[in-house]
Amino acid sequence: MFSGIETVAKLRLAYVASSTDWLFATSPNVATLTIGESWRIKLREAAIALSTGGGDFRVGPEDRERGIWFWWWRR
């Protein structure tokens, strides 16, 4: 079980030259995800999977609370 759910109005993505960085920080209105090259590739793959009907998966470090979940909202 997760410790809590946070919502923000904006997501800011930042890219750094390091290949392994994954830093996720939140403030009351903005969440900032700073990633390196290896994570950029994985997030791109996730976006492609979503666009072709995939969902219900997580991208991020092994610490489950630091990752991002992708899923389709059921209607």
PDB file of N, CA and C in Angstrom:
ATOM      1  N   MET A   1       0.841  -1.182   0.000  1.00  0.00           N
ATOM      2  CA  MET A   1       0.000   0.000   0.000  1.00  0.00           C
ATOM      3  C   MET A   1       0.879   1.236   0.000  1.00  0.00           C
ATOM      4  N   PHE A   2       0.465   2.236  -0.718  1.00  0.00           N
ATOM      5  CA  PHE A   2       1.222   3.474  -0.805  1.00  0.00           C
ATOM      6  C   PHE A   2       0.899   4.365   0.388  1.00  0.00           C
ATOM      7  N   SER A   3       1.851   5.180   0.763  1.00  0.00           N
ATOM      8  CA  SER A   3       1.677   6.043   1.926  1.00  0.00           C
ATOM      9  C   SER A   3       0.718   7.193   1.672  1.00  0.00           C
ATOM     10  N   GLY A   4       0.496   7.560   0.439  1.00  0.00           N
ATOM     11  CA  GLY A   4      -0.411   8.651   0.134  1.00  0.00           C
ATOM     12  C   GLY A   4      -0.353   9.004  -1.341  1.00  0.00           C
ATOM     13  N   ILE A   5      -1.316   9.760  -1.769  1.00  0.00           N
ATOM     14  CA  ILE A   5      -1.368  10.189  -3.167  1.00  0.00           C
ATOM     15  C   ILE A   5      -1.296  11.696  -3.189  1.00  0.00           C
ATOM     16  N   GLU A   6      -0.421  12.233  -4.044  1.00  0.00           N
ATOM     17  CA  GLU A   6      -0.303  13.676  -4.200  1.00  0.00           C
ATOM     18  C   GLU A   6      -0.776  14.053  -5.592  1.00  0.00           C
ATOM     19  N   THR A   7      -1.447  15.167  -5.705  1.00  0.00           N
ATOM     20  CA  THR A   7      -1.835  15.693  -7.002  1.00  0.00           C
ATOM     21  C   THR A   7      -1.290  17.111  -7.140  1.00  0.00           C
ATOM     22  N   VAL A   8      -0.911  17.457  -8.354  1.00  0.00           N
ATOM     23  CA  VAL A   8      -0.417  18.800  -8.652  1.00  0.00           C
ATOM     24  C   VAL A   8      -1.033  19.260  -9.960  1.00  0.00           C
ATOM     25  N   ALA A   9      -0.971  20.544 -10.214  1.00  0.00           N
ATOM     26  CA  ALA A   9      -1.545  21.102 -11.431  1.00  0.00           C
ATOM     27  C   ALA A   9      -0.609  20.970 -12.632  1.00  0.00           C
ATOM     28  N   LYS A  10       0.712  20.899 -12.381  1.00  0.00           N
ATOM     29  CA  LYS A  10       1.676  20.888 -13.480  1.00  0.00           C
ATOM     30  C   LYS A  10       2.756  19.836 -13.247  1.00  0.00           C
ATOM     31  N   LEU A  11       3.234  19.283 -14.358  1.00  0.00           N
ATOM     32  CA  LEU A  11       4.384  18.392 -14.333  1.00  0.00           C
ATOM     33  C   LEU A  11       5.473  19.024 -15.191  1.00  0.00           C
ATOM     34  N   ARG A  12       6.628  19.194 -14.624  1.00  0.00           N
ATOM     35  CA  ARG A  12       7.769  19.756 -15.342  1.00  0.00           C
ATOM     36  C   ARG A  12       8.779  18.630 -15.540  1.00  0.00           C
ATOM     37  N   LEU A  13       9.209  18.415 -16.781  1.00  0.00           N
ATOM     38  CA  LEU A  13      10.227  17.423 -17.096  1.00  0.00           C
ATOM     39  C   LEU A  13      11.536  18.133 -17.383  1.00  0.00           C
ATOM     40  N   ALA A  14      12.622  17.621 -16.811  1.00  0.00           N
ATOM     41  CA  ALA A  14      13.947  18.200 -17.032  1.00  0.00           C
ATOM     42  C   ALA A  14      14.899  17.069 -17.399  1.00  0.00           C
ATOM     43  N   TYR A  15      15.809  17.348 -18.315  1.00  0.00           N
ATOM     44  CA  TYR A  15      16.777  16.358 -18.783  1.00  0.00           C
ATOM     45  C   TYR A  15      18.173  16.784 -18.343  1.00  0.00           C
ATOM     46  N   VAL A  16      18.957  15.807 -17.852  1.00  0.00           N
ATOM     47  CA  VAL A  16      20.348  16.059 -17.481  1.00  0.00           C
ATOM     48  C   VAL A  16      21.233  15.074 -18.231  1.00  0.00           C
ATOM     49  N   ALA A  17      22.488  15.425 -18.398  1.00  0.00           N
ATOM     50  CA  ALA A  17      23.393  14.605 -19.201  1.00  0.00           C
ATOM     51  C   ALA A  17      23.690  13.237 -18.593  1.00  0.00           C
ATOM     52  N   SER A  18      23.628  13.101 -17.280  1.00  0.00           N
ATOM     53  CA  SER A  18      23.888  11.806 -16.647  1.00  0.00           C
ATOM     54  C   SER A  18      22.888  10.776 -17.146  1.00  0.00           C
ATOM     55  N   SER A  19      23.336   9.559 -17.357  1.00  0.00           N
ATOM     56  CA  SER A  19      22.430   8.555 -17.911  1.00  0.00           C
ATOM     57  C   SER A  19      21.532   7.907 -16.869  1.00  0.00           C
ATOM     58  N   THR A  20      21.813   8.080 -15.581  1.00  0.00           N
ATOM     59  CA  THR A  20      21.062   7.330 -14.575  1.00  0.00           C
ATOM     60  C   THR A  20      20.212   8.181 -13.639  1.00  0.00           C
ATOM     61  N   ASP A  21      20.218   9.478 -13.772  1.00  0.00           N
ATOM     62  CA  ASP A  21      19.467  10.328 -12.841  1.00  0.00           C
ATOM     63  C   ASP A  21      17.963  10.101 -12.931  1.00  0.00           C
ATOM     64  N   TRP A  22      17.322  10.052 -11.779  1.00  0.00           N
ATOM     65  CA  TRP A  22      15.863  10.038 -11.651  1.00  0.00           C
ATOM     66  C   TRP A  22      15.562  10.770 -10.351  1.00  0.00           C
ATOM     67  N   LEU A  23      15.186  12.027 -10.462  1.00  0.00           N
ATOM     68  CA  LEU A  23      14.881  12.834  -9.283  1.00  0.00           C
ATOM     69  C   LEU A  23      13.460  13.357  -9.422  1.00  0.00           C
ATOM     70  N   PHE A  24      12.633  13.069  -8.449  1.00  0.00           N
ATOM     71  CA  PHE A  24      11.240  13.493  -8.483  1.00  0.00           C
ATOM     72  C   PHE A  24      10.974  14.343  -7.258  1.00  0.00           C
ATOM     73  N   ALA A  25      10.621  15.599  -7.471  1.00  0.00           N
ATOM     74  CA  ALA A  25      10.371  16.530  -6.371  1.00  0.00           C
ATOM     75  C   ALA A  25       9.013  17.189  -6.579  1.00  0.00           C
ATOM     76  N   THR A  26       8.316  17.428  -5.483  1.00  0.00           N
ATOM     77  CA  THR A  26       7.015  18.082  -5.588  1.00  0.00           C
ATOM     78  C   THR A  26       6.975  19.334  -4.731  1.00  0.00           C
ATOM     79  N   SER A  27       6.169  20.260  -5.177  1.00  0.00           N
ATOM     80  CA  SER A  27       5.807  21.430  -4.390  1.00  0.00           C
ATOM     81  C   SER A  27       4.276  21.472  -4.439  1.00  0.00           C
ATOM     82  N   PRO A  28       3.629  22.406  -3.784  1.00  0.00           N
ATOM     83  CA  PRO A  28       2.156  22.391  -3.780  1.00  0.00           C
ATOM     84  C   PRO A  28       1.516  22.406  -5.171  1.00  0.00           C
ATOM     85  N   ASN A  29       2.148  23.038  -6.167  1.00  0.00           N
ATOM     86  CA  ASN A  29       1.510  23.155  -7.475  1.00  0.00           C
ATOM     87  C   ASN A  29       2.251  22.485  -8.620  1.00  0.00           C
ATOM     88  N   VAL A  30       3.518  22.106  -8.419  1.00  0.00           N
ATOM     89  CA  VAL A  30       4.321  21.581  -9.526  1.00  0.00           C
ATOM     90  C   VAL A  30       5.097  20.351  -9.068  1.00  0.00           C
ATOM     91  N   ALA A  31       5.086  19.335  -9.903  1.00  0.00           N
ATOM     92  CA  ALA A  31       5.965  18.182  -9.705  1.00  0.00           C
ATOM     93  C   ALA A  31       7.048  18.279 -10.772  1.00  0.00           C
ATOM     94  N   THR A  32       8.300  18.080 -10.380  1.00  0.00           N
ATOM     95  CA  THR A  32       9.412  18.154 -11.325  1.00  0.00           C
ATOM     96  C   THR A  32      10.106  16.798 -11.359  1.00  0.00           C
ATOM     97  N   LEU A  33      10.196  16.243 -12.568  1.00  0.00           N
ATOM     98  CA  LEU A  33      10.905  14.990 -12.782  1.00  0.00           C
ATOM     99  C   LEU A  33      12.157  15.305 -13.588  1.00  0.00           C
ATOM    100  N   THR A  34      13.314  15.059 -13.001  1.00  0.00           N
ATOM    101  CA  THR A  34      14.595  15.265 -13.671  1.00  0.00           C
ATOM    102  C   THR A  34      15.160  13.892 -14.000  1.00  0.00           C
ATOM    103  N   ILE A  35      15.409  13.648 -15.282  1.00  0.00           N
ATOM    104  CA  ILE A  35      15.836  12.318 -15.725  1.00  0.00           C
ATOM    105  C   ILE A  35      17.085  12.388 -16.585  1.00  0.00           C
ATOM    106  N   GLY A  36      17.812  11.271 -16.624  1.00  0.00           N
ATOM    107  CA  GLY A  36      18.947  11.093 -17.512  1.00  0.00           C
ATOM    108  C   GLY A  36      18.526  10.309 -18.749  1.00  0.00           C
ATOM    109  N   GLU A  37      19.470  10.030 -19.625  1.00  0.00           N
ATOM    110  CA  GLU A  37      19.190   9.413 -20.920  1.00  0.00           C
ATOM    111  C   GLU A  37      18.493   8.061 -20.811  1.00  0.00           C
ATOM    112  N   SER A  38      18.939   7.187 -19.924  1.00  0.00           N
ATOM    113  CA  SER A  38      18.316   5.862 -19.861  1.00  0.00           C
ATOM    114  C   SER A  38      16.843   5.954 -19.463  1.00  0.00           C
ATOM    115  N   TRP A  39      16.506   6.895 -18.583  1.00  0.00           N
ATOM    116  CA  TRP A  39      15.107   7.065 -18.204  1.00  0.00           C
ATOM    117  C   TRP A  39      14.311   7.767 -19.291  1.00  0.00           C
ATOM    118  N   ARG A  40      14.955   8.639 -20.052  1.00  0.00           N
ATOM    119  CA  ARG A  40      14.248   9.292 -21.174  1.00  0.00           C
ATOM    120  C   ARG A  40      13.772   8.233 -22.159  1.00  0.00           C
ATOM    121  N   ILE A  41      14.625   7.270 -22.440  1.00  0.00           N
ATOM    122  CA  ILE A  41      14.266   6.196 -23.368  1.00  0.00           C
ATOM    123  C   ILE A  41      13.095   5.392 -22.810  1.00  0.00           C
ATOM    124  N   LYS A  42      13.132   5.068 -21.517  1.00  0.00           N
ATOM    125  CA  LYS A  42      12.059   4.271 -20.911  1.00  0.00           C
ATOM    126  C   LYS A  42      10.741   5.042 -20.870  1.00  0.00           C
ATOM    127  N   LEU A  43      10.792   6.346 -20.610  1.00  0.00           N
ATOM    128  CA  LEU A  43       9.560   7.145 -20.625  1.00  0.00           C
ATOM    129  C   LEU A  43       8.990   7.253 -22.035  1.00  0.00           C
ATOM    130  N   ARG A  44       9.856   7.336 -23.023  1.00  0.00           N
ATOM    131  CA  ARG A  44       9.393   7.358 -24.418  1.00  0.00           C
ATOM    132  C   ARG A  44       8.685   6.054 -24.751  1.00  0.00           C
ATOM    133  N   GLU A  45       9.274   4.936 -24.348  1.00  0.00           N
ATOM    134  CA  GLU A  45       8.655   3.629 -24.583  1.00  0.00           C
ATOM    135  C   GLU A  45       7.295   3.537 -23.888  1.00  0.00           C
ATOM    136  N   ALA A  46       7.198   4.109 -22.690  1.00  0.00           N
ATOM    137  CA  ALA A  46       5.929   4.112 -21.961  1.00  0.00           C
ATOM    138  C   ALA A  46       4.871   4.921 -22.712  1.00  0.00           C
ATOM    139  N   ALA A  47       5.263   6.073 -23.238  1.00  0.00           N
ATOM    140  CA  ALA A  47       4.317   6.905 -23.998  1.00  0.00           C
ATOM    141  C   ALA A  47       3.834   6.168 -25.246  1.00  0.00           C
ATOM    142  N   ILE A  48       4.732   5.464 -25.905  1.00  0.00           N
ATOM    143  CA  ILE A  48       4.340   4.684 -27.082  1.00  0.00           C
ATOM    144  C   ILE A  48       3.381   3.574 -26.684  1.00  0.00           C
ATOM    145  N   ALA A  49       3.678   2.886 -25.580  1.00  0.00           N
ATOM    146  CA  ALA A  49       2.790   1.817 -25.109  1.00  0.00           C
ATOM    147  C   ALA A  49       1.393   2.363 -24.811  1.00  0.00           C
ATOM    148  N   LEU A  50       1.317   3.519 -24.160  1.00  0.00           N
ATOM    149  CA  LEU A  50       0.015   4.121 -23.877  1.00  0.00           C
ATOM    150  C   LEU A  50      -0.736   4.471 -25.151  1.00  0.00           C
ATOM    151  N   SER A  51      -0.022   4.987 -26.125  1.00  0.00           N
ATOM    152  CA  SER A  51      -0.678   5.411 -27.363  1.00  0.00           C
ATOM    153  C   SER A  51      -1.188   4.236 -28.186  1.00  0.00           C
ATOM    154  N   THR A  52      -0.706   3.029 -27.884  1.00  0.00           N
ATOM    155  CA  THR A  52      -1.160   1.837 -28.619  1.00  0.00           C
ATOM    156  C   THR A  52      -2.043   0.942 -27.748  1.00  0.00           C
ATOM    157  N   GLY A  53      -2.546   1.491 -26.639  1.00  0.00           N
ATOM    158  CA  GLY A  53      -3.491   0.762 -25.808  1.00  0.00           C
ATOM    159  C   GLY A  53      -2.913   0.070 -24.596  1.00  0.00           C
ATOM    160  N   GLY A  54      -1.608   0.188 -24.376  1.00  0.00           N
ATOM    161  CA  GLY A  54      -0.998  -0.424 -23.192  1.00  0.00           C
ATOM    162  C   GLY A  54      -1.316   0.371 -21.944  1.00  0.00           C
ATOM    163  N   GLY A  55      -1.087  -0.218 -20.814  1.00  0.00           N
ATOM    164  CA  GLY A  55      -1.322   0.484 -19.566  1.00  0.00           C
ATOM    165  C   GLY A  55      -1.096  -0.435 -18.384  1.00  0.00           C
ATOM    166  N   ASP A  56      -1.287   0.090 -17.204  1.00  0.00           N
ATOM    167  CA  ASP A  56      -1.109  -0.625 -15.952  1.00  0.00           C
ATOM    168  C   ASP A  56       0.328  -1.102 -15.779  1.00  0.00           C
ATOM    169  N   PHE A  57       1.253  -0.158 -15.827  1.00  0.00           N
ATOM    170  CA  PHE A  57       2.661  -0.442 -15.581  1.00  0.00           C
ATOM    171  C   PHE A  57       3.316   0.769 -14.947  1.00  0.00           C
ATOM    172  N   ARG A  58       4.521   0.579 -14.445  1.00  0.00           N
ATOM    173  CA  ARG A  58       5.246   1.629 -13.734  1.00  0.00           C
ATOM    174  C   ARG A  58       6.612   1.819 -14.358  1.00  0.00           C
ATOM    175  N   VAL A  59       7.077   3.061 -14.381  1.00  0.00           N
ATOM    176  CA  VAL A  59       8.433   3.384 -14.833  1.00  0.00           C
ATOM    177  C   VAL A  59       9.113   4.124 -13.692  1.00  0.00           C
ATOM    178  N   GLY A  60      10.347   3.731 -13.384  1.00  0.00           N
ATOM    179  CA  GLY A  60      11.090   4.421 -12.345  1.00  0.00           C
ATOM    180  C   GLY A  60      12.018   3.496 -11.595  1.00  0.00           C
ATOM    181  N   PRO A  61      12.713   4.044 -10.620  1.00  0.00           N
ATOM    182  CA  PRO A  61      13.648   3.258  -9.823  1.00  0.00           C
ATOM    183  C   PRO A  61      12.921   2.139  -9.077  1.00  0.00           C
ATOM    184  N   GLU A  62      13.694   1.253  -8.496  1.00  0.00           N
ATOM    185  CA  GLU A  62      13.095   0.127  -7.777  1.00  0.00           C
ATOM    186  C   GLU A  62      12.235   0.567  -6.601  1.00  0.00           C
ATOM    187  N   ASP A  63      12.533   1.699  -6.001  1.00  0.00           N
ATOM    188  CA  ASP A  63      11.708   2.248  -4.927  1.00  0.00           C
ATOM    189  C   ASP A  63      10.344   2.601  -5.529  1.00  0.00           C
ATOM    190  N   ARG A  64       9.343   1.794  -5.252  1.00  0.00           N
ATOM    191  CA  ARG A  64       8.032   1.928  -5.906  1.00  0.00           C
ATOM    192  C   ARG A  64       7.391   3.296  -5.722  1.00  0.00           C
ATOM    193  N   GLU A  65       7.673   3.971  -4.620  1.00  0.00           N
ATOM    194  CA  GLU A  65       7.038   5.264  -4.374  1.00  0.00           C
ATOM    195  C   GLU A  65       7.664   6.384  -5.193  1.00  0.00           C
ATOM    196  N   ARG A  66       8.788   6.145  -5.833  1.00  0.00           N
ATOM    197  CA  ARG A  66       9.437   7.186  -6.632  1.00  0.00           C
ATOM    198  C   ARG A  66       9.131   7.045  -8.120  1.00  0.00           C
ATOM    199  N   GLY A  67       8.400   6.024  -8.512  1.00  0.00           N
ATOM    200  CA  GLY A  67       8.096   5.807  -9.920  1.00  0.00           C
ATOM    201  C   GLY A  67       6.813   6.490 -10.354  1.00  0.00           C
ATOM    202  N   ILE A  68       6.514   6.341 -11.623  1.00  0.00           N
ATOM    203  CA  ILE A  68       5.292   6.900 -12.197  1.00  0.00           C
ATOM    204  C   ILE A  68       4.485   5.731 -12.760  1.00  0.00           C
ATOM    205  N   TRP A  69       3.232   5.637 -12.359  1.00  0.00           N
ATOM    206  CA  TRP A  69       2.335   4.602 -12.861  1.00  0.00           C
ATOM    207  C   TRP A  69       1.574   5.135 -14.067  1.00  0.00           C
ATOM    208  N   PHE A  70       1.367   4.262 -15.035  1.00  0.00           N
ATOM    209  CA  PHE A  70       0.597   4.591 -16.236  1.00  0.00           C
ATOM    210  C   PHE A  70      -0.573   3.616 -16.311  1.00  0.00           C
ATOM    211  N   TRP A  71      -1.784   4.146 -16.468  1.00  0.00           N
ATOM    212  CA  TRP A  71      -2.938   3.280 -16.652  1.00  0.00           C
ATOM    213  C   TRP A  71      -4.033   4.056 -17.346  1.00  0.00           C
ATOM    214  N   TRP A  72      -4.959   3.314 -17.893  1.00  0.00           N
ATOM    215  CA  TRP A  72      -6.131   3.889 -18.550  1.00  0.00           C
ATOM    216  C   TRP A  72      -7.237   4.023 -17.531  1.00  0.00           C
ATOM    217  N   TRP A  73      -7.931   5.148 -17.554  1.00  0.00           N
ATOM    218  CA  TRP A  73      -9.062   5.352 -16.674  1.00  0.00           C
ATOM    219  C   TRP A  73     -10.263   4.629 -17.279  1.00  0.00           C
ATOM    220  N   ARG A  74     -10.868   3.733 -16.502  1.00  0.00           N
ATOM    221  CA  ARG A  74     -12.029   2.998 -16.999  1.00  0.00           C
ATOM    222  C   ARG A  74     -13.246   3.899 -17.017  1.00  0.00           C
ATOM    223  N   ARG A  75     -14.008   3.816 -18.076  1.00  0.00           N
ATOM    224  CA  ARG A  75     -15.230   4.636 -18.205  1.00  0.00           C
ATOM    225  C   ARG A  75     -16.435   3.875 -17.791  1.00  0.00           C
TER     226      ARG A  75
END
